């Protein structure tokens, strides 16, 4: 099986109802991630610390992503000068933290991780709040996944990685307007 088509996937916010029936058979192959989902995700959500979004394929839990608010502090995180925002004197930039991302081991390498990451990117670009970066503290097994997307380290600690949403937005912009009303109609 190749990549699973996006139209075959659906997203739901974790809640008490779907937690009862969806979580029991989920197995990412990572005990720590599975334990978080089954025992802590709903509690953290009720405490307003994070939001966990469940991804379903054929009515079974295929993966999840947990997101939280974050910030990048210019001094503490030692942001590369090329990433500083001209004319912005804020000491920190808004960020979405990917706190957890996991895919059921039976469906890994079929595009579900990319689908979940696309959800986070969509929230950052189109959500109700300004968000300049997405951050993640990746497990060693996920480093290549995040690096291929464009995440990179900005500190020597090699702990936290960031994705600049301005770069993503510029990559998504078409070279020409797709708006039929933007043409000069005076001719």
N, C-alpha and C. Protein backbone atom coordinates (compact mmCIF):
# COMPACT_ATOMS: atom_id res chain seq x y z
N UNK A 1 0.86 -1.18 0.00
CA UNK A 1 0.00 0.00 0.00
C UNK A 1 0.90 1.23 0.00
N UNK A 2 0.59 2.20 -0.87
CA UNK A 2 1.33 3.46 -0.93
C UNK A 2 0.75 4.45 0.06
N UNK A 3 0.84 5.72 -0.30
CA UNK A 3 0.27 6.76 0.55
C UNK A 3 -1.24 6.64 0.60
N UNK A 4 -1.78 6.85 1.76
CA UNK A 4 -3.23 6.83 1.94
C UNK A 4 -3.76 8.17 1.45
N UNK A 5 -4.78 8.18 0.59
CA UNK A 5 -5.32 9.47 0.11
C UNK A 5 -5.89 10.30 1.27
N UNK A 6 -5.63 11.60 1.23
CA UNK A 6 -6.10 12.49 2.30
C UNK A 6 -7.61 12.42 2.48
N UNK A 7 -8.36 12.23 1.41
CA UNK A 7 -9.82 12.18 1.52
C UNK A 7 -10.29 10.95 2.31
N UNK A 8 -9.41 9.97 2.51
CA UNK A 8 -9.75 8.78 3.29
C UNK A 8 -9.47 8.99 4.78
N UNK A 9 -8.87 10.14 5.13
CA UNK A 9 -8.53 10.44 6.51
C UNK A 9 -9.47 11.49 7.07
N UNK A 10 -9.71 11.42 8.37
CA UNK A 10 -10.51 12.46 9.03
C UNK A 10 -9.85 12.82 10.35
N UNK A 11 -10.14 14.02 10.81
CA UNK A 11 -9.56 14.56 12.05
C UNK A 11 -10.68 14.86 13.04
N UNK A 12 -10.47 14.49 14.29
CA UNK A 12 -11.38 14.85 15.38
C UNK A 12 -10.54 15.32 16.56
N UNK A 13 -11.04 16.30 17.28
CA UNK A 13 -10.40 16.71 18.52
C UNK A 13 -10.69 15.63 19.56
N UNK A 14 -9.69 15.25 20.32
CA UNK A 14 -9.86 14.26 21.38
C UNK A 14 -10.94 14.74 22.34
N UNK A 15 -11.83 13.84 22.71
CA UNK A 15 -12.86 14.15 23.70
C UNK A 15 -13.18 12.87 24.48
N UNK A 16 -13.98 12.98 25.52
CA UNK A 16 -14.28 11.82 26.36
C UNK A 16 -14.95 10.70 25.57
N UNK A 17 -15.77 11.04 24.60
CA UNK A 17 -16.49 10.02 23.81
C UNK A 17 -15.52 9.22 22.95
N UNK A 18 -14.73 9.91 22.11
CA UNK A 18 -13.85 9.15 21.22
C UNK A 18 -12.67 8.52 21.98
N UNK A 19 -12.33 9.05 23.16
CA UNK A 19 -11.26 8.46 23.95
C UNK A 19 -11.65 7.06 24.43
N UNK A 20 -12.93 6.85 24.67
CA UNK A 20 -13.39 5.56 25.17
C UNK A 20 -13.26 4.46 24.13
N UNK A 21 -13.55 4.76 22.87
CA UNK A 21 -13.55 3.69 21.87
C UNK A 21 -12.34 3.70 20.94
N UNK A 22 -11.64 4.80 20.82
CA UNK A 22 -10.61 4.90 19.79
C UNK A 22 -9.19 4.58 20.26
N UNK A 23 -8.92 4.76 21.51
CA UNK A 23 -7.53 4.72 21.96
C UNK A 23 -7.00 3.34 22.31
N UNK A 24 -7.86 2.40 22.65
CA UNK A 24 -7.42 1.13 23.22
C UNK A 24 -6.50 0.33 22.30
N UNK A 25 -6.73 0.35 21.00
CA UNK A 25 -5.92 -0.48 20.10
C UNK A 25 -4.77 0.28 19.44
N UNK A 26 -4.60 1.55 19.76
CA UNK A 26 -3.53 2.33 19.12
C UNK A 26 -2.18 1.86 19.61
N UNK A 27 -1.26 1.62 18.67
CA UNK A 27 0.09 1.17 19.00
C UNK A 27 1.06 1.78 18.00
N UNK A 28 1.77 2.82 18.43
CA UNK A 28 2.75 3.49 17.56
C UNK A 28 4.10 2.78 17.57
N UNK A 29 4.26 1.85 18.51
CA UNK A 29 5.57 1.23 18.69
C UNK A 29 6.44 2.00 19.66
N UNK A 30 5.92 3.11 20.17
CA UNK A 30 6.64 3.94 21.15
C UNK A 30 5.78 4.00 22.40
N UNK A 31 6.21 3.29 23.43
CA UNK A 31 5.43 3.19 24.67
C UNK A 31 5.11 4.55 25.29
N UNK A 32 6.09 5.44 25.26
CA UNK A 32 5.91 6.76 25.87
C UNK A 32 4.80 7.56 25.16
N UNK A 33 4.80 7.54 23.83
CA UNK A 33 3.76 8.25 23.07
C UNK A 33 2.40 7.61 23.28
N UNK A 34 2.34 6.28 23.26
CA UNK A 34 1.08 5.58 23.47
C UNK A 34 0.51 5.85 24.86
N UNK A 35 1.39 5.83 25.86
CA UNK A 35 0.97 6.10 27.23
C UNK A 35 0.42 7.52 27.37
N UNK A 36 1.10 8.49 26.75
CA UNK A 36 0.60 9.87 26.80
C UNK A 36 -0.81 9.94 26.23
N UNK A 37 -1.01 9.36 25.06
CA UNK A 37 -2.32 9.42 24.43
C UNK A 37 -3.39 8.78 25.29
N UNK A 38 -3.12 7.62 25.83
CA UNK A 38 -4.13 6.84 26.57
C UNK A 38 -4.37 7.35 27.98
N UNK A 39 -3.36 8.00 28.60
CA UNK A 39 -3.50 8.37 30.00
C UNK A 39 -3.41 9.86 30.31
N UNK A 40 -2.75 10.64 29.46
CA UNK A 40 -2.50 12.03 29.81
C UNK A 40 -3.11 13.07 28.87
N UNK A 41 -3.33 12.72 27.63
CA UNK A 41 -3.74 13.71 26.62
C UNK A 41 -5.04 14.39 26.99
N UNK A 42 -6.04 13.64 27.39
CA UNK A 42 -7.33 14.23 27.73
C UNK A 42 -7.23 15.09 28.99
N UNK A 43 -6.44 14.67 29.95
CA UNK A 43 -6.23 15.46 31.18
C UNK A 43 -5.56 16.78 30.84
N UNK A 44 -4.50 16.74 30.04
CA UNK A 44 -3.81 17.98 29.66
C UNK A 44 -4.73 18.90 28.87
N UNK A 45 -5.58 18.30 28.07
CA UNK A 45 -6.52 19.12 27.29
C UNK A 45 -7.53 19.80 28.22
N UNK A 46 -8.03 19.10 29.21
CA UNK A 46 -8.97 19.69 30.17
C UNK A 46 -8.32 20.80 30.98
N UNK A 47 -7.01 20.70 31.18
CA UNK A 47 -6.25 21.74 31.90
C UNK A 47 -5.82 22.88 30.98
N UNK A 48 -6.22 22.83 29.71
CA UNK A 48 -5.91 23.83 28.70
C UNK A 48 -4.41 23.97 28.45
N UNK A 49 -3.70 22.86 28.55
CA UNK A 49 -2.26 22.85 28.30
C UNK A 49 -1.93 22.49 26.86
N UNK A 50 -2.81 21.73 26.23
CA UNK A 50 -2.58 21.30 24.86
C UNK A 50 -3.90 20.84 24.25
N UNK A 51 -3.85 20.56 22.94
CA UNK A 51 -5.00 20.01 22.22
C UNK A 51 -4.48 18.81 21.42
N UNK A 52 -5.18 17.71 21.52
CA UNK A 52 -4.80 16.51 20.78
C UNK A 52 -5.84 16.25 19.70
N UNK A 53 -5.34 16.12 18.48
CA UNK A 53 -6.19 15.88 17.31
C UNK A 53 -5.94 14.45 16.86
N UNK A 54 -7.03 13.69 16.73
CA UNK A 54 -6.96 12.30 16.33
C UNK A 54 -7.19 12.19 14.83
N UNK A 55 -6.43 11.34 14.18
CA UNK A 55 -6.57 11.09 12.74
C UNK A 55 -7.12 9.67 12.56
N UNK A 56 -8.23 9.58 11.84
CA UNK A 56 -8.87 8.29 11.61
C UNK A 56 -8.76 7.86 10.15
N UNK A 57 -8.59 6.56 9.97
CA UNK A 57 -8.60 5.93 8.66
C UNK A 57 -9.48 4.69 8.78
N UNK A 58 -10.52 4.64 7.96
CA UNK A 58 -11.47 3.52 8.02
C UNK A 58 -11.99 3.30 9.44
N UNK A 59 -12.38 4.37 10.08
CA UNK A 59 -12.96 4.35 11.43
C UNK A 59 -12.04 3.81 12.53
N UNK A 60 -10.74 3.75 12.25
CA UNK A 60 -9.77 3.33 13.26
C UNK A 60 -8.77 4.45 13.46
N UNK A 61 -8.29 4.57 14.68
CA UNK A 61 -7.31 5.60 14.99
C UNK A 61 -6.00 5.28 14.28
N UNK A 62 -5.58 6.17 13.40
CA UNK A 62 -4.36 5.99 12.61
C UNK A 62 -3.19 6.76 13.18
N UNK A 63 -3.47 7.88 13.87
CA UNK A 63 -2.41 8.71 14.41
C UNK A 63 -2.97 9.86 15.20
N UNK A 64 -2.09 10.62 15.81
CA UNK A 64 -2.52 11.80 16.56
C UNK A 64 -1.41 12.83 16.57
N UNK A 65 -1.83 14.08 16.80
CA UNK A 65 -0.88 15.17 16.98
C UNK A 65 -1.38 16.01 18.15
N UNK A 66 -0.47 16.34 19.06
CA UNK A 66 -0.79 17.18 20.20
C UNK A 66 -0.06 18.49 20.01
N UNK A 67 -0.81 19.59 20.07
CA UNK A 67 -0.25 20.93 19.84
C UNK A 67 -0.41 21.79 21.09
N UNK A 68 0.54 22.67 21.30
CA UNK A 68 0.50 23.60 22.43
C UNK A 68 1.11 24.93 21.99
N UNK A 69 0.83 25.97 22.75
CA UNK A 69 1.42 27.27 22.48
C UNK A 69 2.89 27.25 22.89
N UNK A 70 3.68 28.02 22.17
CA UNK A 70 5.11 28.10 22.44
C UNK A 70 5.58 29.48 22.01
N UNK A 71 6.83 29.78 22.26
CA UNK A 71 7.43 31.00 21.73
C UNK A 71 8.92 30.76 21.54
N UNK A 72 9.47 31.52 20.65
CA UNK A 72 10.91 31.48 20.42
C UNK A 72 11.46 32.79 20.96
N UNK A 73 12.32 32.68 21.95
CA UNK A 73 12.92 33.85 22.57
C UNK A 73 14.23 34.15 21.86
N UNK A 74 14.33 35.36 21.33
CA UNK A 74 15.47 35.71 20.50
C UNK A 74 16.81 35.48 21.20
N UNK A 75 16.93 35.92 22.46
CA UNK A 75 18.20 35.78 23.18
C UNK A 75 18.42 34.35 23.64
N UNK A 76 17.44 33.79 24.33
CA UNK A 76 17.60 32.45 24.91
C UNK A 76 17.76 31.38 23.84
N UNK A 77 16.96 31.45 22.78
CA UNK A 77 17.01 30.43 21.74
C UNK A 77 18.08 30.72 20.68
N UNK A 78 18.77 31.86 20.83
CA UNK A 78 19.86 32.23 19.92
C UNK A 78 19.46 32.10 18.46
N UNK A 79 18.41 32.79 18.12
CA UNK A 79 17.90 32.74 16.75
C UNK A 79 18.94 33.26 15.77
N UNK A 80 19.12 32.56 14.70
CA UNK A 80 20.00 32.98 13.61
C UNK A 80 19.55 34.37 13.14
N UNK A 81 20.48 35.26 12.90
CA UNK A 81 20.15 36.64 12.50
C UNK A 81 19.27 36.69 11.26
N UNK A 82 19.40 35.71 10.38
CA UNK A 82 18.57 35.69 9.17
C UNK A 82 17.10 35.45 9.49
N UNK A 83 16.81 34.98 10.69
CA UNK A 83 15.43 34.69 11.08
C UNK A 83 14.78 35.84 11.87
N UNK A 84 15.55 36.87 12.16
CA UNK A 84 14.98 38.02 12.87
C UNK A 84 14.03 38.76 11.93
N UNK A 85 12.97 39.29 12.49
CA UNK A 85 11.96 40.00 11.71
C UNK A 85 12.30 41.49 11.72
N UNK A 86 12.58 42.04 10.55
CA UNK A 86 12.92 43.46 10.44
C UNK A 86 11.78 44.31 10.98
N UNK A 87 12.14 45.31 11.78
CA UNK A 87 11.15 46.23 12.32
C UNK A 87 10.35 45.68 13.48
N UNK A 88 10.66 44.49 13.94
CA UNK A 88 9.93 43.87 15.05
C UNK A 88 10.87 43.79 16.25
N UNK A 89 10.53 44.52 17.29
CA UNK A 89 11.39 44.56 18.47
C UNK A 89 10.91 43.65 19.60
N UNK A 90 10.06 42.69 19.27
CA UNK A 90 9.56 41.79 20.31
C UNK A 90 10.69 40.89 20.82
N UNK A 91 10.69 40.57 22.11
CA UNK A 91 11.73 39.68 22.65
C UNK A 91 11.49 38.22 22.29
N UNK A 92 10.27 37.90 21.80
CA UNK A 92 9.94 36.52 21.44
C UNK A 92 8.94 36.53 20.28
N UNK A 93 8.93 35.44 19.53
CA UNK A 93 8.01 35.28 18.41
C UNK A 93 7.04 34.15 18.71
N UNK A 94 5.78 34.28 18.29
CA UNK A 94 4.79 33.23 18.57
C UNK A 94 5.06 31.96 17.78
N UNK A 95 4.71 30.86 18.41
CA UNK A 95 5.06 29.55 17.88
C UNK A 95 4.02 28.51 18.30
N UNK A 96 3.85 27.49 17.48
CA UNK A 96 3.06 26.31 17.85
C UNK A 96 4.04 25.19 18.11
N UNK A 97 3.90 24.53 19.25
CA UNK A 97 4.75 23.40 19.60
C UNK A 97 4.04 22.11 19.22
N UNK A 98 4.71 21.27 18.45
CA UNK A 98 4.22 19.91 18.25
C UNK A 98 4.72 19.13 19.46
N UNK A 99 3.83 18.96 20.43
CA UNK A 99 4.21 18.30 21.67
C UNK A 99 4.34 16.79 21.48
N UNK A 100 3.47 16.22 20.66
CA UNK A 100 3.51 14.79 20.35
C UNK A 100 2.95 14.59 18.94
N UNK A 101 3.51 13.65 18.22
CA UNK A 101 2.98 13.23 16.93
C UNK A 101 3.33 11.75 16.79
N UNK A 102 2.32 10.94 16.53
CA UNK A 102 2.56 9.50 16.40
C UNK A 102 1.58 8.91 15.40
N UNK A 103 2.03 7.86 14.74
CA UNK A 103 1.20 7.12 13.79
C UNK A 103 1.22 5.65 14.22
N UNK A 104 0.07 5.00 14.12
CA UNK A 104 -0.02 3.58 14.45
C UNK A 104 1.01 2.84 13.60
N UNK A 105 1.76 1.91 14.21
CA UNK A 105 2.86 1.25 13.51
C UNK A 105 2.39 0.46 12.30
N UNK A 106 1.13 0.07 12.26
CA UNK A 106 0.61 -0.67 11.10
C UNK A 106 0.38 0.25 9.91
N UNK A 107 0.39 1.58 10.13
CA UNK A 107 0.14 2.54 9.05
C UNK A 107 1.29 3.52 8.84
N UNK A 108 2.42 3.28 9.48
CA UNK A 108 3.56 4.17 9.30
C UNK A 108 4.10 4.06 7.88
N UNK A 109 4.65 5.15 7.40
CA UNK A 109 5.22 5.27 6.04
C UNK A 109 4.14 5.29 4.95
N UNK A 110 2.94 5.77 5.32
CA UNK A 110 1.84 5.87 4.35
C UNK A 110 1.28 7.29 4.26
N UNK A 111 2.05 8.29 4.75
CA UNK A 111 1.66 9.68 4.60
C UNK A 111 0.85 10.27 5.73
N UNK A 112 0.55 9.51 6.76
CA UNK A 112 -0.28 10.02 7.86
C UNK A 112 0.49 11.04 8.69
N UNK A 113 1.77 10.82 8.92
CA UNK A 113 2.58 11.80 9.65
C UNK A 113 2.63 13.12 8.91
N UNK A 114 2.79 13.08 7.59
CA UNK A 114 2.78 14.30 6.78
C UNK A 114 1.41 14.98 6.84
N UNK A 115 0.37 14.19 6.83
CA UNK A 115 -0.99 14.73 6.93
C UNK A 115 -1.18 15.47 8.26
N UNK A 116 -0.72 14.87 9.34
CA UNK A 116 -0.85 15.51 10.66
C UNK A 116 0.01 16.78 10.74
N UNK A 117 1.19 16.73 10.17
CA UNK A 117 2.04 17.92 10.14
C UNK A 117 1.39 19.02 9.30
N UNK A 118 0.74 18.64 8.21
CA UNK A 118 0.01 19.62 7.38
C UNK A 118 -1.09 20.30 8.17
N UNK A 119 -1.71 19.55 9.07
CA UNK A 119 -2.74 20.13 9.95
C UNK A 119 -2.13 21.25 10.80
N UNK A 120 -0.98 20.98 11.39
CA UNK A 120 -0.31 21.99 12.22
C UNK A 120 0.10 23.20 11.38
N UNK A 121 0.60 22.96 10.18
CA UNK A 121 0.99 24.06 9.30
C UNK A 121 -0.23 24.88 8.91
N UNK A 122 -1.35 24.21 8.63
CA UNK A 122 -2.59 24.92 8.32
C UNK A 122 -3.04 25.79 9.48
N UNK A 123 -2.96 25.26 10.70
CA UNK A 123 -3.33 26.06 11.88
C UNK A 123 -2.43 27.29 11.99
N UNK A 124 -1.14 27.11 11.72
CA UNK A 124 -0.19 28.22 11.84
C UNK A 124 -0.45 29.29 10.79
N UNK A 125 -0.77 28.87 9.57
CA UNK A 125 -0.96 29.83 8.47
C UNK A 125 -2.36 30.43 8.43
N UNK A 126 -3.36 29.67 8.78
CA UNK A 126 -4.75 30.10 8.61
C UNK A 126 -5.51 30.21 9.92
N UNK A 127 -4.88 29.92 11.03
CA UNK A 127 -5.57 29.91 12.32
C UNK A 127 -5.91 31.31 12.80
N UNK A 128 -6.59 31.38 13.92
CA UNK A 128 -7.06 32.67 14.43
C UNK A 128 -5.97 33.52 15.10
N UNK A 129 -4.78 32.97 15.27
CA UNK A 129 -3.71 33.69 15.95
C UNK A 129 -2.48 33.78 15.05
N UNK A 130 -1.69 34.80 15.24
CA UNK A 130 -0.44 34.90 14.51
C UNK A 130 0.54 33.85 15.00
N UNK A 131 1.25 33.25 14.07
CA UNK A 131 2.19 32.20 14.42
C UNK A 131 3.34 32.23 13.42
N UNK A 132 4.52 32.55 13.87
CA UNK A 132 5.67 32.66 12.96
C UNK A 132 6.42 31.34 12.79
N UNK A 133 6.40 30.49 13.81
CA UNK A 133 7.16 29.25 13.76
C UNK A 133 6.35 28.07 14.28
N UNK A 134 6.78 26.88 13.87
CA UNK A 134 6.34 25.63 14.50
C UNK A 134 7.61 25.02 15.10
N UNK A 135 7.51 24.55 16.32
CA UNK A 135 8.67 23.96 16.99
C UNK A 135 8.38 22.51 17.36
N UNK A 136 9.44 21.75 17.54
CA UNK A 136 9.32 20.35 17.94
C UNK A 136 10.61 19.92 18.62
N UNK A 137 10.48 19.05 19.60
CA UNK A 137 11.62 18.38 20.23
C UNK A 137 11.57 16.93 19.74
N UNK A 138 12.15 16.67 18.59
CA UNK A 138 11.95 15.35 17.97
C UNK A 138 12.71 14.22 18.66
N UNK A 139 12.11 13.07 18.60
CA UNK A 139 12.82 11.86 19.02
C UNK A 139 13.84 11.54 17.93
N UNK A 140 14.89 10.84 18.27
CA UNK A 140 15.93 10.51 17.30
C UNK A 140 15.36 9.79 16.08
N UNK A 141 14.35 8.97 16.31
CA UNK A 141 13.75 8.20 15.21
C UNK A 141 12.97 9.09 14.25
N UNK A 142 12.66 10.32 14.65
CA UNK A 142 11.86 11.22 13.80
C UNK A 142 12.68 12.36 13.19
N UNK A 143 13.97 12.42 13.48
CA UNK A 143 14.81 13.52 12.97
C UNK A 143 14.73 13.66 11.46
N UNK A 144 14.90 12.59 10.75
CA UNK A 144 14.90 12.65 9.29
C UNK A 144 13.56 13.15 8.76
N UNK A 145 12.47 12.72 9.37
CA UNK A 145 11.12 13.17 8.97
C UNK A 145 11.03 14.69 9.03
N UNK A 146 11.44 15.29 10.16
CA UNK A 146 11.33 16.74 10.33
C UNK A 146 12.34 17.49 9.45
N UNK A 147 13.53 16.94 9.31
CA UNK A 147 14.53 17.61 8.47
C UNK A 147 14.08 17.68 7.01
N UNK A 148 13.45 16.62 6.51
CA UNK A 148 12.96 16.61 5.12
C UNK A 148 11.90 17.69 4.89
N UNK A 149 11.13 17.99 5.92
CA UNK A 149 10.08 19.01 5.82
C UNK A 149 10.69 20.41 5.82
N UNK A 150 11.86 20.57 6.44
CA UNK A 150 12.50 21.88 6.49
C UNK A 150 12.77 22.37 7.90
N UNK A 151 12.46 21.57 8.90
CA UNK A 151 12.80 21.94 10.28
C UNK A 151 14.31 21.93 10.41
N UNK A 152 14.81 22.83 11.28
CA UNK A 152 16.24 22.84 11.54
C UNK A 152 16.51 23.33 12.96
N UNK A 153 17.70 23.04 13.42
CA UNK A 153 18.13 23.48 14.75
C UNK A 153 18.66 24.89 14.66
N UNK A 154 18.45 25.67 15.73
CA UNK A 154 19.02 27.01 15.80
C UNK A 154 19.92 27.18 17.00
N UNK A 155 20.08 26.15 17.76
CA UNK A 155 20.99 26.24 18.90
C UNK A 155 21.96 25.07 18.84
N UNK A 156 23.02 25.18 19.57
CA UNK A 156 24.02 24.12 19.59
C UNK A 156 23.53 22.89 20.37
N UNK A 157 22.48 23.05 21.14
CA UNK A 157 22.01 21.94 21.98
C UNK A 157 21.42 20.79 21.17
N UNK A 158 21.02 21.06 19.94
CA UNK A 158 20.42 20.03 19.07
C UNK A 158 19.21 19.38 19.75
N UNK A 159 18.44 20.18 20.44
CA UNK A 159 17.25 19.66 21.11
C UNK A 159 15.99 20.07 20.37
N UNK A 160 15.78 21.34 20.21
CA UNK A 160 14.55 21.85 19.61
C UNK A 160 14.79 22.26 18.17
N UNK A 161 13.81 21.91 17.32
CA UNK A 161 13.87 22.29 15.91
C UNK A 161 12.72 23.24 15.62
N UNK A 162 12.91 24.07 14.60
CA UNK A 162 11.92 25.07 14.22
C UNK A 162 11.67 25.04 12.72
N UNK A 163 10.44 25.39 12.35
CA UNK A 163 10.08 25.59 10.95
C UNK A 163 9.55 27.02 10.83
N UNK A 164 10.17 27.82 9.99
CA UNK A 164 9.77 29.21 9.80
C UNK A 164 8.54 29.24 8.89
N UNK A 165 7.41 29.71 9.38
CA UNK A 165 6.18 29.71 8.61
C UNK A 165 6.21 30.74 7.49
N UNK A 166 7.06 31.76 7.60
CA UNK A 166 7.19 32.72 6.52
C UNK A 166 7.77 32.02 5.28
N UNK A 167 8.75 31.15 5.50
CA UNK A 167 9.32 30.38 4.38
C UNK A 167 8.26 29.47 3.76
N UNK A 168 7.46 28.84 4.59
CA UNK A 168 6.40 27.94 4.10
C UNK A 168 5.39 28.75 3.30
N UNK A 169 4.96 29.89 3.83
CA UNK A 169 3.97 30.72 3.15
C UNK A 169 4.48 31.17 1.79
N UNK A 170 5.76 31.54 1.71
CA UNK A 170 6.33 31.98 0.44
C UNK A 170 6.40 30.83 -0.56
N UNK A 171 6.67 29.63 -0.09
CA UNK A 171 6.70 28.46 -0.98
C UNK A 171 5.31 28.13 -1.53
N UNK A 172 4.28 28.44 -0.74
CA UNK A 172 2.91 28.11 -1.14
C UNK A 172 2.30 29.16 -2.06
N UNK A 173 2.90 30.34 -2.14
CA UNK A 173 2.35 31.42 -2.97
C UNK A 173 2.56 31.12 -4.45
N UNK A 174 1.52 31.21 -5.27
CA UNK A 174 1.70 31.02 -6.70
C UNK A 174 2.46 32.21 -7.31
N UNK A 175 3.12 31.96 -8.44
CA UNK A 175 3.87 33.02 -9.11
C UNK A 175 2.96 34.09 -9.70
N UNK A 176 1.74 33.71 -10.03
CA UNK A 176 0.80 34.67 -10.60
C UNK A 176 -0.53 34.54 -9.88
N UNK A 177 -1.32 35.57 -9.97
CA UNK A 177 -2.60 35.58 -9.28
C UNK A 177 -3.55 34.57 -9.93
N UNK A 178 -4.26 33.85 -9.09
CA UNK A 178 -5.28 32.92 -9.57
C UNK A 178 -6.67 33.55 -9.47
N UNK A 179 -6.71 34.80 -9.06
CA UNK A 179 -7.96 35.53 -8.90
C UNK A 179 -8.38 36.12 -10.24
N UNK A 180 -9.54 35.68 -10.80
CA UNK A 180 -9.96 36.20 -12.10
C UNK A 180 -10.30 37.69 -12.06
N UNK A 181 -10.56 38.24 -10.88
CA UNK A 181 -10.90 39.66 -10.73
C UNK A 181 -9.68 40.54 -10.68
N UNK A 182 -8.49 39.93 -10.60
CA UNK A 182 -7.27 40.75 -10.47
C UNK A 182 -6.76 41.26 -11.82
N UNK A 183 -7.28 40.74 -12.90
CA UNK A 183 -6.85 41.19 -14.23
C UNK A 183 -7.36 42.60 -14.50
N UNK A 184 -6.63 43.33 -15.30
CA UNK A 184 -7.05 44.68 -15.69
C UNK A 184 -8.21 44.57 -16.68
N UNK A 185 -9.39 44.95 -16.24
CA UNK A 185 -10.59 44.84 -17.07
C UNK A 185 -10.83 46.06 -17.94
N UNK A 186 -9.94 47.06 -17.86
CA UNK A 186 -10.16 48.30 -18.63
C UNK A 186 -9.77 48.15 -20.09
N UNK A 187 -9.15 47.05 -20.45
CA UNK A 187 -8.70 46.88 -21.85
C UNK A 187 -9.80 46.40 -22.75
